[in-house]
Amino acid sequence: MILAKKVRIIPNIEQEQKLWQSVGTARYIYNWTLARQEENHKNGGKFIKDGDLRK
């Protein structure tokens, strides 16, 4: 039974730049969401649902 496969990608320069941009965007959104949740928790609020954050 195969449980996992390792794959290695070798991007060119343009692809590598796009990958790093995607990582930066994901990190920014994660930190923004975490800050909103922590601020809401400090003010006595409940967990903010994903759909509400996306609005």
N, C-alpha and C. Protein backbone atom coordinates (compact mmCIF):
# COMPACT_ATOMS: atom_id res chain seq x y z
N MET A 1 0.84 -1.17 0.00
CA MET A 1 0.00 0.00 0.00
C MET A 1 0.89 1.24 0.00
N ILE A 2 0.64 2.16 -0.93
CA ILE A 2 1.39 3.40 -1.00
C ILE A 2 0.67 4.45 -0.15
N LEU A 3 1.35 4.98 0.86
CA LEU A 3 0.74 5.97 1.73
C LEU A 3 1.07 7.39 1.31
N ALA A 4 2.23 7.57 0.69
CA ALA A 4 2.62 8.92 0.28
C ALA A 4 3.61 8.85 -0.87
N LYS A 5 3.67 9.93 -1.60
CA LYS A 5 4.65 10.06 -2.67
C LYS A 5 5.38 11.37 -2.48
N LYS A 6 6.67 11.37 -2.70
CA LYS A 6 7.44 12.61 -2.65
C LYS A 6 7.58 13.13 -4.07
N VAL A 7 7.36 14.41 -4.22
CA VAL A 7 7.46 15.04 -5.53
C VAL A 7 8.37 16.24 -5.38
N ARG A 8 9.28 16.39 -6.30
CA ARG A 8 10.18 17.53 -6.27
C ARG A 8 9.88 18.39 -7.49
N ILE A 9 9.66 19.68 -7.25
CA ILE A 9 9.43 20.59 -8.36
C ILE A 9 10.68 21.45 -8.53
N ILE A 10 10.97 21.76 -9.75
CA ILE A 10 12.10 22.63 -10.05
C ILE A 10 11.56 23.79 -10.91
N PRO A 11 11.10 24.84 -10.23
CA PRO A 11 10.49 25.95 -10.97
C PRO A 11 11.55 26.84 -11.63
N ASN A 12 11.14 27.49 -12.71
CA ASN A 12 12.04 28.48 -13.29
C ASN A 12 11.91 29.77 -12.47
N ILE A 13 12.60 30.82 -12.85
CA ILE A 13 12.64 32.04 -12.05
C ILE A 13 11.25 32.68 -11.90
N GLU A 14 10.51 32.76 -13.01
CA GLU A 14 9.17 33.35 -12.95
C GLU A 14 8.24 32.55 -12.05
N GLN A 15 8.29 31.23 -12.17
CA GLN A 15 7.43 30.38 -11.35
C GLN A 15 7.80 30.49 -9.88
N GLU A 16 9.10 30.58 -9.60
CA GLU A 16 9.54 30.71 -8.21
C GLU A 16 9.05 32.02 -7.60
N GLN A 17 9.09 33.10 -8.37
CA GLN A 17 8.59 34.38 -7.89
C GLN A 17 7.10 34.31 -7.59
N LYS A 18 6.34 33.65 -8.45
CA LYS A 18 4.90 33.50 -8.22
C LYS A 18 4.62 32.64 -6.98
N LEU A 19 5.43 31.61 -6.77
CA LEU A 19 5.26 30.78 -5.58
C LEU A 19 5.49 31.59 -4.31
N TRP A 20 6.55 32.41 -4.30
CA TRP A 20 6.84 33.24 -3.13
C TRP A 20 5.76 34.30 -2.91
N GLN A 21 5.19 34.83 -4.00
CA GLN A 21 4.08 35.77 -3.86
C GLN A 21 2.87 35.10 -3.23
N SER A 22 2.59 33.87 -3.63
CA SER A 22 1.47 33.12 -3.06
C SER A 22 1.69 32.85 -1.58
N VAL A 23 2.91 32.50 -1.23
CA VAL A 23 3.23 32.24 0.18
C VAL A 23 3.06 33.51 0.99
N GLY A 24 3.52 34.63 0.46
CA GLY A 24 3.39 35.91 1.15
C GLY A 24 1.94 36.31 1.35
N THR A 25 1.12 36.09 0.34
CA THR A 25 -0.30 36.42 0.43
C THR A 25 -0.98 35.55 1.49
N ALA A 26 -0.69 34.26 1.46
CA ALA A 26 -1.30 33.34 2.44
C ALA A 26 -0.89 33.71 3.86
N ARG A 27 0.38 34.07 4.04
CA ARG A 27 0.87 34.45 5.38
C ARG A 27 0.19 35.73 5.85
N TYR A 28 0.04 36.71 4.96
CA TYR A 28 -0.61 37.96 5.31
C TYR A 28 -2.05 37.71 5.76
N ILE A 29 -2.79 36.92 5.00
CA ILE A 29 -4.19 36.64 5.32
C ILE A 29 -4.31 35.87 6.63
N TYR A 30 -3.41 34.91 6.85
CA TYR A 30 -3.43 34.15 8.11
C TYR A 30 -3.23 35.08 9.29
N ASN A 31 -2.22 35.96 9.20
CA ASN A 31 -1.94 36.88 10.31
C ASN A 31 -3.07 37.88 10.52
N TRP A 32 -3.68 38.35 9.43
CA TRP A 32 -4.81 39.28 9.53
C TRP A 32 -5.99 38.61 10.24
N THR A 33 -6.28 37.38 9.83
CA THR A 33 -7.39 36.64 10.45
C THR A 33 -7.12 36.37 11.92
N LEU A 34 -5.91 35.98 12.24
CA LEU A 34 -5.55 35.71 13.63
C LEU A 34 -5.70 36.97 14.48
N ALA A 35 -5.27 38.11 13.96
CA ALA A 35 -5.40 39.37 14.70
C ALA A 35 -6.87 39.72 14.93
N ARG A 36 -7.72 39.52 13.90
CA ARG A 36 -9.15 39.80 14.06
C ARG A 36 -9.77 38.90 15.13
N GLN A 37 -9.41 37.61 15.10
CA GLN A 37 -9.96 36.66 16.07
C GLN A 37 -9.51 37.02 17.49
N GLU A 38 -8.23 37.37 17.66
CA GLU A 38 -7.72 37.72 18.99
C GLU A 38 -8.37 39.00 19.52
N GLU A 39 -8.52 39.99 18.64
CA GLU A 39 -9.17 41.23 19.04
C GLU A 39 -10.62 40.98 19.44
N ASN A 40 -11.31 40.18 18.68
CA ASN A 40 -12.70 39.83 18.99
C ASN A 40 -12.79 39.08 20.31
N HIS A 41 -11.85 38.19 20.56
CA HIS A 41 -11.85 37.40 21.81
C HIS A 41 -11.60 38.32 23.02
N LYS A 42 -10.68 39.27 22.88
CA LYS A 42 -10.39 40.21 23.98
C LYS A 42 -11.61 41.05 24.33
N ASN A 43 -12.43 41.37 23.34
CA ASN A 43 -13.63 42.18 23.55
C ASN A 43 -14.82 41.34 23.99
N GLY A 44 -14.60 40.07 24.25
CA GLY A 44 -15.65 39.20 24.76
C GLY A 44 -16.51 38.56 23.69
N GLY A 45 -16.10 38.67 22.46
CA GLY A 45 -16.88 38.09 21.37
C GLY A 45 -16.60 36.61 21.21
N LYS A 46 -17.43 35.98 20.39
CA LYS A 46 -17.25 34.57 20.09
C LYS A 46 -16.41 34.42 18.83
N PHE A 47 -16.13 33.19 18.49
CA PHE A 47 -15.36 32.87 17.29
C PHE A 47 -16.06 33.41 16.06
N ILE A 48 -15.30 34.10 15.18
CA ILE A 48 -15.86 34.65 13.96
C ILE A 48 -15.83 33.54 12.90
N LYS A 49 -16.94 33.30 12.26
CA LYS A 49 -17.01 32.25 11.25
C LYS A 49 -16.25 32.64 9.99
N ASP A 50 -15.82 31.65 9.26
CA ASP A 50 -15.04 31.85 8.05
C ASP A 50 -15.78 32.71 7.03
N GLY A 51 -17.04 32.44 6.84
CA GLY A 51 -17.83 33.18 5.86
C GLY A 51 -17.92 34.66 6.20
N ASP A 52 -18.03 34.97 7.50
CA ASP A 52 -18.09 36.37 7.92
C ASP A 52 -16.76 37.08 7.69
N LEU A 53 -15.68 36.38 7.91
CA LEU A 53 -14.36 36.99 7.67
C LEU A 53 -14.14 37.24 6.19
N ARG A 54 -14.64 36.37 5.35
CA ARG A 54 -14.45 36.53 3.90
C ARG A 54 -15.22 37.72 3.36
N LYS A 55 -16.30 38.11 4.02
CA LYS A 55 -17.09 39.26 3.58
C LYS A 55 -16.28 40.51 3.83
